[in-house]
């Protein structure tokens, strides 16, 4: 009886670990892109292309994408539809970063 219980617990733990690992790897590309966009925002502030207010708005957009990703991963599976939706949101944020970095108001 105890052996059966231990085996059941081990199988359950293995299944949960596999599910969590697949959700993690399913968003690896999303995570890398999110990091690159954060770096672009930081670089824009350091280089003077972005004001602090612009950077704050861009970071809020990045947090929105992060929340979308968290909701998609909540059930352990990121579907292709969810991944596409997050990708579109990242495209929008990328365009916003570019537009604000290149809105030369000084000259």
PDB file of N, CA and C in Angstrom:
ATOM      1  N   UNK A   1       0.821  -1.197   0.000  1.00  0.00           N
ATOM      2  CA  UNK A   1       0.000   0.000   0.000  1.00  0.00           C
ATOM      3  C   UNK A   1       0.866   1.262   0.000  1.00  0.00           C
ATOM      4  N   UNK A   2       1.877   1.277   0.884  1.00  0.00           N
ATOM      5  CA  UNK A   2       2.763   2.435   0.967  1.00  0.00           C
ATOM      6  C   UNK A   2       3.575   2.583  -0.323  1.00  0.00           C
ATOM      7  N   UNK A   3       4.000   1.486  -0.916  1.00  0.00           N
ATOM      8  CA  UNK A   3       4.750   1.519  -2.159  1.00  0.00           C
ATOM      9  C   UNK A   3       3.896   2.077  -3.294  1.00  0.00           C
ATOM     10  N   UNK A   4       2.644   1.690  -3.316  1.00  0.00           N
ATOM     11  CA  UNK A   4       1.725   2.192  -4.335  1.00  0.00           C
ATOM     12  C   UNK A   4       1.522   3.699  -4.190  1.00  0.00           C
ATOM     13  N   UNK A   5       1.388   4.146  -2.972  1.00  0.00           N
ATOM     14  CA  UNK A   5       1.209   5.580  -2.709  1.00  0.00           C
ATOM     15  C   UNK A   5       2.454   6.359  -3.131  1.00  0.00           C
ATOM     16  N   UNK A   6       3.618   5.840  -2.802  1.00  0.00           N
ATOM     17  CA  UNK A   6       4.874   6.496  -3.174  1.00  0.00           C
ATOM     18  C   UNK A   6       5.036   6.544  -4.693  1.00  0.00           C
ATOM     19  N   UNK A   7       4.676   5.456  -5.374  1.00  0.00           N
ATOM     20  CA  UNK A   7       4.764   5.419  -6.825  1.00  0.00           C
ATOM     21  C   UNK A   7       3.792   6.436  -7.443  1.00  0.00           C
ATOM     22  N   UNK A   8       2.591   6.533  -6.918  1.00  0.00           N
ATOM     23  CA  UNK A   8       1.600   7.487  -7.407  1.00  0.00           C
ATOM     24  C   UNK A   8       2.093   8.919  -7.216  1.00  0.00           C
ATOM     25  N   UNK A   9       2.667   9.208  -6.060  1.00  0.00           N
ATOM     26  CA  UNK A   9       3.202  10.537  -5.781  1.00  0.00           C
ATOM     27  C   UNK A   9       4.342  10.875  -6.742  1.00  0.00           C
ATOM     28  N   UNK A  10       5.215   9.907  -7.004  1.00  0.00           N
ATOM     29  CA  UNK A  10       6.336  10.125  -7.917  1.00  0.00           C
ATOM     30  C   UNK A  10       5.847  10.407  -9.335  1.00  0.00           C
ATOM     31  N   UNK A  11       4.870   9.647  -9.806  1.00  0.00           N
ATOM     32  CA  UNK A  11       4.331   9.858 -11.148  1.00  0.00           C
ATOM     33  C   UNK A  11       3.642  11.219 -11.266  1.00  0.00           C
ATOM     34  N   UNK A  12       2.906  11.599 -10.232  1.00  0.00           N
ATOM     35  CA  UNK A  12       2.228  12.891 -10.238  1.00  0.00           C
ATOM     36  C   UNK A  12       3.248  14.027 -10.282  1.00  0.00           C
ATOM     37  N   UNK A  13       4.278  13.924  -9.463  1.00  0.00           N
ATOM     38  CA  UNK A  13       5.320  14.942  -9.441  1.00  0.00           C
ATOM     39  C   UNK A  13       6.038  15.020 -10.789  1.00  0.00           C
ATOM     40  N   UNK A  14       6.317  13.888 -11.402  1.00  0.00           N
ATOM     41  CA  UNK A  14       6.974  13.879 -12.716  1.00  0.00           C
ATOM     42  C   UNK A  14       6.091  14.523 -13.780  1.00  0.00           C
ATOM     43  N   UNK A  15       4.798  14.244 -13.733  1.00  0.00           N
ATOM     44  CA  UNK A  15       3.875  14.837 -14.710  1.00  0.00           C
ATOM     45  C   UNK A  15       3.798  16.347 -14.537  1.00  0.00           C
ATOM     46  N   UNK A  16       3.731  16.812 -13.300  1.00  0.00           N
ATOM     47  CA  UNK A  16       3.678  18.257 -13.055  1.00  0.00           C
ATOM     48  C   UNK A  16       4.958  18.941 -13.505  1.00  0.00           C
ATOM     49  N   UNK A  17       6.085  18.331 -13.230  1.00  0.00           N
ATOM     50  CA  UNK A  17       7.371  18.901 -13.640  1.00  0.00           C
ATOM     51  C   UNK A  17       7.461  18.994 -15.160  1.00  0.00           C
ATOM     52  N   UNK A  18       7.028  17.957 -15.850  1.00  0.00           N
ATOM     53  CA  UNK A  18       7.071  17.962 -17.316  1.00  0.00           C
ATOM     54  C   UNK A  18       6.158  19.035 -17.886  1.00  0.00           C
ATOM     55  N   UNK A  19       4.988  19.198 -17.288  1.00  0.00           N
ATOM     56  CA  UNK A  19       4.050  20.217 -17.761  1.00  0.00           C
ATOM     57  C   UNK A  19       4.625  21.607 -17.562  1.00  0.00           C
ATOM     58  N   UNK A  20       5.197  21.846 -16.394  1.00  0.00           N
ATOM     59  CA  UNK A  20       5.770  23.162 -16.121  1.00  0.00           C
ATOM     60  C   UNK A  20       6.964  23.442 -17.022  1.00  0.00           C
ATOM     61  N   UNK A  21       7.776  22.435 -17.289  1.00  0.00           N
ATOM     62  CA  UNK A  21       8.937  22.607 -18.153  1.00  0.00           C
ATOM     63  C   UNK A  21       8.517  22.909 -19.578  1.00  0.00           C
ATOM     64  N   UNK A  22       7.458  22.267 -20.053  1.00  0.00           N
ATOM     65  CA  UNK A  22       7.022  22.530 -21.422  1.00  0.00           C
ATOM     66  C   UNK A  22       6.452  23.936 -21.552  1.00  0.00           C
ATOM     67  N   UNK A  23       5.769  24.426 -20.542  1.00  0.00           N
ATOM     68  CA  UNK A  23       5.253  25.794 -20.577  1.00  0.00           C
ATOM     69  C   UNK A  23       6.406  26.785 -20.553  1.00  0.00           C
ATOM     70  N   UNK A  24       7.457  26.469 -19.799  1.00  0.00           N
ATOM     71  CA  UNK A  24       8.610  27.352 -19.710  1.00  0.00           C
ATOM     72  C   UNK A  24       9.329  27.437 -21.049  1.00  0.00           C
ATOM     73  N   UNK A  25       9.558  26.296 -21.700  1.00  0.00           N
ATOM     74  CA  UNK A  25      10.276  26.319 -22.972  1.00  0.00           C
ATOM     75  C   UNK A  25       9.405  26.868 -24.087  1.00  0.00           C
ATOM     76  N   UNK A  26       8.100  26.795 -23.929  1.00  0.00           N
ATOM     77  CA  UNK A  26       7.209  27.308 -24.963  1.00  0.00           C
ATOM     78  C   UNK A  26       7.292  28.824 -25.073  1.00  0.00           C
ATOM     79  N   UNK A  27       7.752  29.480 -24.030  1.00  0.00           N
ATOM     80  CA  UNK A  27       7.817  30.936 -24.057  1.00  0.00           C
ATOM     81  C   UNK A  27       9.250  31.452 -24.034  1.00  0.00           C
ATOM     82  N   UNK A  28      10.195  30.607 -24.344  1.00  0.00           N
ATOM     83  CA  UNK A  28      11.592  31.031 -24.337  1.00  0.00           C
ATOM     84  C   UNK A  28      11.839  32.153 -25.345  1.00  0.00           C
ATOM     85  N   UNK A  29      11.282  32.024 -26.535  1.00  0.00           N
ATOM     86  CA  UNK A  29      11.438  33.058 -27.557  1.00  0.00           C
ATOM     87  C   UNK A  29      10.790  34.372 -27.100  1.00  0.00           C
ATOM     88  N   UNK A  30       9.631  34.259 -26.478  1.00  0.00           N
ATOM     89  CA  UNK A  30       8.937  35.444 -25.965  1.00  0.00           C
ATOM     90  C   UNK A  30       9.794  36.128 -24.902  1.00  0.00           C
ATOM     91  N   UNK A  31      10.380  35.330 -24.008  1.00  0.00           N
ATOM     92  CA  UNK A  31      11.214  35.887 -22.939  1.00  0.00           C
ATOM     93  C   UNK A  31      12.446  36.593 -23.495  1.00  0.00           C
ATOM     94  N   UNK A  32      13.077  35.978 -24.505  1.00  0.00           N
ATOM     95  CA  UNK A  32      14.269  36.610 -25.094  1.00  0.00           C
ATOM     96  C   UNK A  32      13.904  37.938 -25.748  1.00  0.00           C
ATOM     97  N   UNK A  33      12.795  37.965 -26.447  1.00  0.00           N
ATOM     98  CA  UNK A  33      12.387  39.202 -27.120  1.00  0.00           C
ATOM     99  C   UNK A  33      12.038  40.273 -26.095  1.00  0.00           C
ATOM    100  N   UNK A  34      11.378  39.863 -25.024  1.00  0.00           N
ATOM    101  CA  UNK A  34      11.028  40.797 -23.958  1.00  0.00           C
ATOM    102  C   UNK A  34      12.297  41.418 -23.361  1.00  0.00           C
ATOM    103  N   UNK A  35      13.326  40.605 -23.166  1.00  0.00           N
ATOM    104  CA  UNK A  35      14.593  41.100 -22.621  1.00  0.00           C
ATOM    105  C   UNK A  35      15.260  42.071 -23.589  1.00  0.00           C
ATOM    106  N   UNK A  36      15.227  41.758 -24.883  1.00  0.00           N
ATOM    107  CA  UNK A  36      15.823  42.668 -25.873  1.00  0.00           C
ATOM    108  C   UNK A  36      15.086  44.006 -25.903  1.00  0.00           C
ATOM    109  N   UNK A  37      13.764  43.966 -25.803  1.00  0.00           N
ATOM    110  CA  UNK A  37      13.008  45.211 -25.823  1.00  0.00           C
ATOM    111  C   UNK A  37      13.266  46.023 -24.561  1.00  0.00           C
ATOM    112  N   UNK A  38      13.393  45.369 -23.413  1.00  0.00           N
ATOM    113  CA  UNK A  38      13.754  46.087 -22.187  1.00  0.00           C
ATOM    114  C   UNK A  38      15.114  46.757 -22.344  1.00  0.00           C
ATOM    115  N   UNK A  39      16.055  46.047 -22.964  1.00  0.00           N
ATOM    116  CA  UNK A  39      17.391  46.611 -23.185  1.00  0.00           C
ATOM    117  C   UNK A  39      17.317  47.817 -24.120  1.00  0.00           C
ATOM    118  N   UNK A  40      16.457  47.758 -25.124  1.00  0.00           N
ATOM    119  CA  UNK A  40      16.298  48.898 -26.040  1.00  0.00           C
ATOM    120  C   UNK A  40      15.764  50.113 -25.299  1.00  0.00           C
ATOM    121  N   UNK A  41      14.826  49.890 -24.399  1.00  0.00           N
ATOM    122  CA  UNK A  41      14.279  51.001 -23.611  1.00  0.00           C
ATOM    123  C   UNK A  41      15.380  51.596 -22.741  1.00  0.00           C
ATOM    124  N   UNK A  42      16.125  50.740 -22.058  1.00  0.00           N
ATOM    125  CA  UNK A  42      17.211  51.213 -21.197  1.00  0.00           C
ATOM    126  C   UNK A  42      18.246  51.990 -22.006  1.00  0.00           C
ATOM    127  N   UNK A  43      18.596  51.458 -23.159  1.00  0.00           N
ATOM    128  CA  UNK A  43      19.578  52.114 -24.016  1.00  0.00           C
ATOM    129  C   UNK A  43      19.049  53.471 -24.489  1.00  0.00           C
ATOM    130  N   UNK A  44      17.760  53.541 -24.789  1.00  0.00           N
ATOM    131  CA  UNK A  44      17.169  54.807 -25.216  1.00  0.00           C
ATOM    132  C   UNK A  44      17.217  55.866 -24.137  1.00  0.00           C
ATOM    133  N   UNK A  45      17.008  55.467 -22.901  1.00  0.00           N
ATOM    134  CA  UNK A  45      17.080  56.417 -21.784  1.00  0.00           C
ATOM    135  C   UNK A  45      18.520  56.869 -21.591  1.00  0.00           C
ATOM    136  N   UNK A  46      19.462  55.921 -21.594  1.00  0.00           N
ATOM    137  CA  UNK A  46      20.876  56.259 -21.397  1.00  0.00           C
ATOM    138  C   UNK A  46      21.409  57.127 -22.531  1.00  0.00           C
ATOM    139  N   UNK A  47      20.945  56.894 -23.730  1.00  0.00           N
ATOM    140  CA  UNK A  47      21.417  57.657 -24.887  1.00  0.00           C
ATOM    141  C   UNK A  47      20.691  58.973 -25.084  1.00  0.00           C
ATOM    142  N   UNK A  48      19.663  59.227 -24.306  1.00  0.00           N
ATOM    143  CA  UNK A  48      18.940  60.487 -24.401  1.00  0.00           C
ATOM    144  C   UNK A  48      17.845  60.494 -25.453  1.00  0.00           C
ATOM    145  N   UNK A  49      17.602  59.379 -26.107  1.00  0.00           N
ATOM    146  CA  UNK A  49      16.540  59.331 -27.122  1.00  0.00           C
ATOM    147  C   UNK A  49      15.151  59.257 -26.494  1.00  0.00           C
ATOM    148  N   UNK A  50      15.086  58.763 -25.257  1.00  0.00           N
ATOM    149  CA  UNK A  50      13.800  58.627 -24.566  1.00  0.00           C
ATOM    150  C   UNK A  50      13.812  59.454 -23.286  1.00  0.00           C
ATOM    151  N   UNK A  51      12.699  60.100 -23.015  1.00  0.00           N
ATOM    152  CA  UNK A  51      12.553  60.778 -21.733  1.00  0.00           C
ATOM    153  C   UNK A  51      12.146  59.752 -20.685  1.00  0.00           C
ATOM    154  N   UNK A  52      12.204  60.154 -19.434  1.00  0.00           N
ATOM    155  CA  UNK A  52      11.803  59.229 -18.368  1.00  0.00           C
ATOM    156  C   UNK A  52      10.324  58.879 -18.477  1.00  0.00           C
ATOM    157  N   UNK A  53       9.506  59.839 -18.870  1.00  0.00           N
ATOM    158  CA  UNK A  53       8.070  59.585 -19.028  1.00  0.00           C
ATOM    159  C   UNK A  53       7.785  58.605 -20.161  1.00  0.00           C
ATOM    160  N   UNK A  54       8.490  58.780 -21.275  1.00  0.00           N
ATOM    161  CA  UNK A  54       8.324  57.857 -22.397  1.00  0.00           C
ATOM    162  C   UNK A  54       8.743  56.446 -21.986  1.00  0.00           C
ATOM    163  N   UNK A  55       9.864  56.373 -21.280  1.00  0.00           N
ATOM    164  CA  UNK A  55      10.346  55.066 -20.837  1.00  0.00           C
ATOM    165  C   UNK A  55       9.347  54.419 -19.877  1.00  0.00           C
ATOM    166  N   UNK A  56       8.745  55.206 -19.019  1.00  0.00           N
ATOM    167  CA  UNK A  56       7.758  54.662 -18.077  1.00  0.00           C
ATOM    168  C   UNK A  56       6.558  54.087 -18.824  1.00  0.00           C
ATOM    169  N   UNK A  57       6.094  54.790 -19.863  1.00  0.00           N
ATOM    170  CA  UNK A  57       4.965  54.285 -20.653  1.00  0.00           C
ATOM    171  C   UNK A  57       5.348  53.012 -21.410  1.00  0.00           C
ATOM    172  N   UNK A  58       6.567  52.985 -21.939  1.00  0.00           N
ATOM    173  CA  UNK A  58       7.022  51.784 -22.650  1.00  0.00           C
ATOM    174  C   UNK A  58       7.157  50.594 -21.696  1.00  0.00           C
ATOM    175  N   UNK A  59       7.651  50.852 -20.497  1.00  0.00           N
ATOM    176  CA  UNK A  59       7.773  49.765 -19.513  1.00  0.00           C
ATOM    177  C   UNK A  59       6.400  49.257 -19.089  1.00  0.00           C
ATOM    178  N   UNK A  60       5.424  50.146 -19.034  1.00  0.00           N
ATOM    179  CA  UNK A  60       4.058  49.708 -18.721  1.00  0.00           C
ATOM    180  C   UNK A  60       3.539  48.781 -19.813  1.00  0.00           C
ATOM    181  N   UNK A  61       3.853  49.094 -21.059  1.00  0.00           N
ATOM    182  CA  UNK A  61       3.477  48.219 -22.169  1.00  0.00           C
ATOM    183  C   UNK A  61       4.163  46.864 -22.070  1.00  0.00           C
ATOM    184  N   UNK A  62       5.424  46.872 -21.646  1.00  0.00           N
ATOM    185  CA  UNK A  62       6.149  45.616 -21.470  1.00  0.00           C
ATOM    186  C   UNK A  62       5.530  44.781 -20.346  1.00  0.00           C
ATOM    187  N   UNK A  63       5.097  45.449 -19.280  1.00  0.00           N
ATOM    188  CA  UNK A  63       4.438  44.727 -18.186  1.00  0.00           C
ATOM    189  C   UNK A  63       3.135  44.102 -18.667  1.00  0.00           C
ATOM    190  N   UNK A  64       2.428  44.801 -19.553  1.00  0.00           N
ATOM    191  CA  UNK A  64       1.190  44.254 -20.115  1.00  0.00           C
ATOM    192  C   UNK A  64       1.478  42.955 -20.877  1.00  0.00           C
ATOM    193  N   UNK A  65       2.525  42.966 -21.675  1.00  0.00           N
ATOM    194  CA  UNK A  65       2.902  41.753 -22.419  1.00  0.00           C
ATOM    195  C   UNK A  65       3.293  40.644 -21.439  1.00  0.00           C
ATOM    196  N   UNK A  66       4.003  40.994 -20.387  1.00  0.00           N
ATOM    197  CA  UNK A  66       4.378  40.009 -19.379  1.00  0.00           C
ATOM    198  C   UNK A  66       3.172  39.385 -18.693  1.00  0.00           C
ATOM    199  N   UNK A  67       2.155  40.206 -18.432  1.00  0.00           N
ATOM    200  CA  UNK A  67       0.925  39.669 -17.824  1.00  0.00           C
ATOM    201  C   UNK A  67       0.203  38.755 -18.800  1.00  0.00           C
ATOM    202  N   UNK A  68       0.216  39.104 -20.088  1.00  0.00           N
ATOM    203  CA  UNK A  68      -0.385  38.227 -21.092  1.00  0.00           C
ATOM    204  C   UNK A  68       0.309  36.867 -21.084  1.00  0.00           C
ATOM    205  N   UNK A  69       1.625  36.897 -21.000  1.00  0.00           N
ATOM    206  CA  UNK A  69       2.397  35.659 -20.980  1.00  0.00           C
ATOM    207  C   UNK A  69       2.075  34.840 -19.726  1.00  0.00           C
ATOM    208  N   UNK A  70       1.978  35.502 -18.590  1.00  0.00           N
ATOM    209  CA  UNK A  70       1.660  34.795 -17.343  1.00  0.00           C
ATOM    210  C   UNK A  70       0.292  34.135 -17.406  1.00  0.00           C
ATOM    211  N   UNK A  71      -0.675  34.849 -17.962  1.00  0.00           N
ATOM    212  CA  UNK A  71      -2.017  34.263 -18.089  1.00  0.00           C
ATOM    213  C   UNK A  71      -2.005  33.067 -19.042  1.00  0.00           C
ATOM    214  N   UNK A  72      -1.210  33.176 -20.103  1.00  0.00           N
ATOM    215  CA  UNK A  72      -1.137  32.072 -21.064  1.00  0.00           C
ATOM    216  C   UNK A  72      -0.486  30.845 -20.432  1.00  0.00           C
ATOM    217  N   UNK A  73       0.500  31.056 -19.553  1.00  0.00           N
ATOM    218  CA  UNK A  73       1.204  29.951 -18.932  1.00  0.00           C
ATOM    219  C   UNK A  73       0.473  29.398 -17.715  1.00  0.00           C
ATOM    220  N   UNK A  74      -0.570  30.053 -17.256  1.00  0.00           N
ATOM    221  CA  UNK A  74      -1.241  29.673 -16.010  1.00  0.00           C
ATOM    222  C   UNK A  74      -1.770  28.246 -16.033  1.00  0.00           C
ATOM    223  N   UNK A  75      -2.249  27.795 -17.172  1.00  0.00           N
ATOM    224  CA  UNK A  75      -2.787  26.436 -17.236  1.00  0.00           C
ATOM    225  C   UNK A  75      -1.727  25.405 -17.631  1.00  0.00           C
ATOM    226  N   UNK A  76      -0.482  25.851 -17.795  1.00  0.00           N
ATOM    227  CA  UNK A  76       0.600  24.930 -18.107  1.00  0.00           C
ATOM    228  C   UNK A  76       0.846  24.702 -19.581  1.00  0.00           C
ATOM    229  N   UNK A  77      -0.018  25.238 -20.445  1.00  0.00           N
ATOM    230  CA  UNK A  77       0.127  25.041 -21.888  1.00  0.00           C
ATOM    231  C   UNK A  77      -0.069  26.384 -22.581  1.00  0.00           C
ATOM    232  N   UNK A  78       0.903  26.765 -23.391  1.00  0.00           N
ATOM    233  CA  UNK A  78       0.775  27.975 -24.200  1.00  0.00           C
ATOM    234  C   UNK A  78       0.407  27.523 -25.601  1.00  0.00           C
ATOM    235  N   UNK A  79      -0.817  27.829 -25.992  1.00  0.00           N
ATOM    236  CA  UNK A  79      -1.298  27.388 -27.299  1.00  0.00           C
ATOM    237  C   UNK A  79      -0.708  28.258 -28.404  1.00  0.00           C
ATOM    238  N   UNK A  80      -0.700  27.763 -29.637  1.00  0.00           N
ATOM    239  CA  UNK A  80      -0.215  28.586 -30.753  1.00  0.00           C
ATOM    240  C   UNK A  80      -0.994  29.894 -30.884  1.00  0.00           C
ATOM    241  N   UNK A  81      -2.272  29.860 -30.592  1.00  0.00           N
ATOM    242  CA  UNK A  81      -3.086  31.086 -30.666  1.00  0.00           C
ATOM    243  C   UNK A  81      -2.637  32.102 -29.617  1.00  0.00           C
ATOM    244  N   UNK A  82      -2.368  31.635 -28.400  1.00  0.00           N
ATOM    245  CA  UNK A  82      -1.884  32.532 -27.346  1.00  0.00           C
ATOM    246  C   UNK A  82      -0.514  33.082 -27.710  1.00  0.00           C
ATOM    247  N   UNK A  83       0.348  32.218 -28.238  1.00  0.00           N
ATOM    248  CA  UNK A  83       1.684  32.651 -28.634  1.00  0.00           C
ATOM    249  C   UNK A  83       1.611  33.721 -29.721  1.00  0.00           C
ATOM    250  N   UNK A  84       0.712  33.548 -30.691  1.00  0.00           N
ATOM    251  CA  UNK A  84       0.552  34.536 -31.763  1.00  0.00           C
ATOM    252  C   UNK A  84       0.042  35.855 -31.206  1.00  0.00           C
ATOM    253  N   UNK A  85      -0.881  35.783 -30.272  1.00  0.00           N
ATOM    254  CA  UNK A  85      -1.440  37.002 -29.668  1.00  0.00           C
ATOM    255  C   UNK A  85      -0.353  37.771 -28.903  1.00  0.00           C
ATOM    256  N   UNK A  86       0.476  37.047 -28.176  1.00  0.00           N
ATOM    257  CA  UNK A  86       1.578  37.687 -27.459  1.00  0.00           C
ATOM    258  C   UNK A  86       2.575  38.272 -28.452  1.00  0.00           C
ATOM    259  N   UNK A  87       2.835  37.559 -29.538  1.00  0.00           N
ATOM    260  CA  UNK A  87       3.743  38.061 -30.569  1.00  0.00           C
ATOM    261  C   UNK A  87       3.249  39.354 -31.188  1.00  0.00           C
ATOM    262  N   UNK A  88       1.935  39.424 -31.444  1.00  0.00           N
ATOM    263  CA  UNK A  88       1.373  40.675 -31.987  1.00  0.00           C
ATOM    264  C   UNK A  88       1.521  41.815 -30.988  1.00  0.00           C
ATOM    265  N   UNK A  89       1.300  41.531 -29.711  1.00  0.00           N
ATOM    266  CA  UNK A  89       1.459  42.572 -28.689  1.00  0.00           C
ATOM    267  C   UNK A  89       2.919  43.024 -28.616  1.00  0.00           C
ATOM    268  N   UNK A  90       3.855  42.085 -28.758  1.00  0.00           N
ATOM    269  CA  UNK A  90       5.265  42.462 -28.760  1.00  0.00           C
ATOM    270  C   UNK A  90       5.617  43.293 -29.988  1.00  0.00           C
ATOM    271  N   UNK A  91       5.013  42.982 -31.133  1.00  0.00           N
ATOM    272  CA  UNK A  91       5.245  43.783 -32.339  1.00  0.00           C
ATOM    273  C   UNK A  91       4.789  45.218 -32.116  1.00  0.00           C
ATOM    274  N   UNK A  92       3.636  45.384 -31.509  1.00  0.00           N
ATOM    275  CA  UNK A  92       3.108  46.721 -31.227  1.00  0.00           C
ATOM    276  C   UNK A  92       4.057  47.478 -30.317  1.00  0.00           C
ATOM    277  N   UNK A  93       4.522  46.804 -29.254  1.00  0.00           N
ATOM    278  CA  UNK A  93       5.441  47.459 -28.322  1.00  0.00           C
ATOM    279  C   UNK A  93       6.765  47.802 -28.998  1.00  0.00           C
ATOM    280  N   UNK A  94       7.251  46.939 -29.878  1.00  0.00           N
ATOM    281  CA  UNK A  94       8.495  47.205 -30.585  1.00  0.00           C
ATOM    282  C   UNK A  94       8.364  48.455 -31.457  1.00  0.00           C
ATOM    283  N   UNK A  95       7.240  48.576 -32.143  1.00  0.00           N
ATOM    284  CA  UNK A  95       7.011  49.769 -32.974  1.00  0.00           C
ATOM    285  C   UNK A  95       6.921  51.026 -32.112  1.00  0.00           C
ATOM    286  N   UNK A  96       6.300  50.909 -30.945  1.00  0.00           N
ATOM    287  CA  UNK A  96       6.219  52.061 -30.043  1.00  0.00           C
ATOM    288  C   UNK A  96       7.611  52.491 -29.585  1.00  0.00           C
ATOM    289  N   UNK A  97       8.462  51.514 -29.264  1.00  0.00           N
ATOM    290  CA  UNK A  97       9.827  51.834 -28.841  1.00  0.00           C
ATOM    291  C   UNK A  97      10.549  52.558 -29.971  1.00  0.00           C
ATOM    292  N   UNK A  98      10.468  52.023 -31.169  1.00  0.00           N
ATOM    293  CA  UNK A  98      11.147  52.639 -32.311  1.00  0.00           C
ATOM    294  C   UNK A  98      10.640  54.062 -32.559  1.00  0.00           C
ATOM    295  N   UNK A  99       9.328  54.209 -32.554  1.00  0.00           N
ATOM    296  CA  UNK A  99       8.744  55.518 -32.834  1.00  0.00           C
ATOM    297  C   UNK A  99       9.180  56.555 -31.800  1.00  0.00           C
ATOM    298  N   UNK A 100       9.188  56.186 -30.513  1.00  0.00           N
ATOM    299  CA  UNK A 100       9.560  57.146 -29.487  1.00  0.00           C
ATOM    300  C   UNK A 100      11.059  57.410 -29.467  1.00  0.00           C
ATOM    301  N   UNK A 101      11.870  56.428 -29.859  1.00  0.00           N
ATOM    302  CA  UNK A 101      13.319  56.651 -29.918  1.00  0.00           C
ATOM    303  C   UNK A 101      13.696  57.590 -31.065  1.00  0.00           C
ATOM    304  N   UNK A 102      12.845  57.642 -32.086  1.00  0.00           N
ATOM    305  CA  UNK A 102      13.170  58.419 -33.269  1.00  0.00           C
ATOM    306  C   UNK A 102      12.268  59.644 -33.468  1.00  0.00           C
ATOM    307  N   UNK A 103      11.645  60.123 -32.415  1.00  0.00           N
ATOM    308  CA  UNK A 103      10.780  61.300 -32.538  1.00  0.00           C
ATOM    309  C   UNK A 103      11.588  62.557 -32.207  1.00  0.00           C
ATOM    310  N   UNK A 104      12.546  62.846 -33.008  1.00  0.00           N
ATOM    311  CA  UNK A 104      13.482  63.940 -32.776  1.00  0.00           C
ATOM    312  C   UNK A 104      12.746  65.265 -32.600  1.00  0.00           C
ATOM    313  N   UNK A 105      12.558  65.655 -31.355  1.00  0.00           N
ATOM    314  CA  UNK A 105      11.857  66.922 -31.063  1.00  0.00           C
ATOM    315  C   UNK A 105      12.837  68.051 -30.803  1.00  0.00           C
ATOM    316  N   UNK A 106      14.146  67.734 -30.760  1.00  0.00           N
ATOM    317  CA  UNK A 106      15.121  68.763 -30.424  1.00  0.00           C
ATOM    318  C   UNK A 106      15.532  69.596 -31.629  1.00  0.00           C
ATOM    319  N   UNK A 107      15.364  69.056 -32.830  1.00  0.00           N
ATOM    320  CA  UNK A 107      15.943  69.820 -33.892  1.00  0.00           C
ATOM    321  C   UNK A 107      15.171  69.962 -35.089  1.00  0.00           C
TER     322      UNK A 107
END
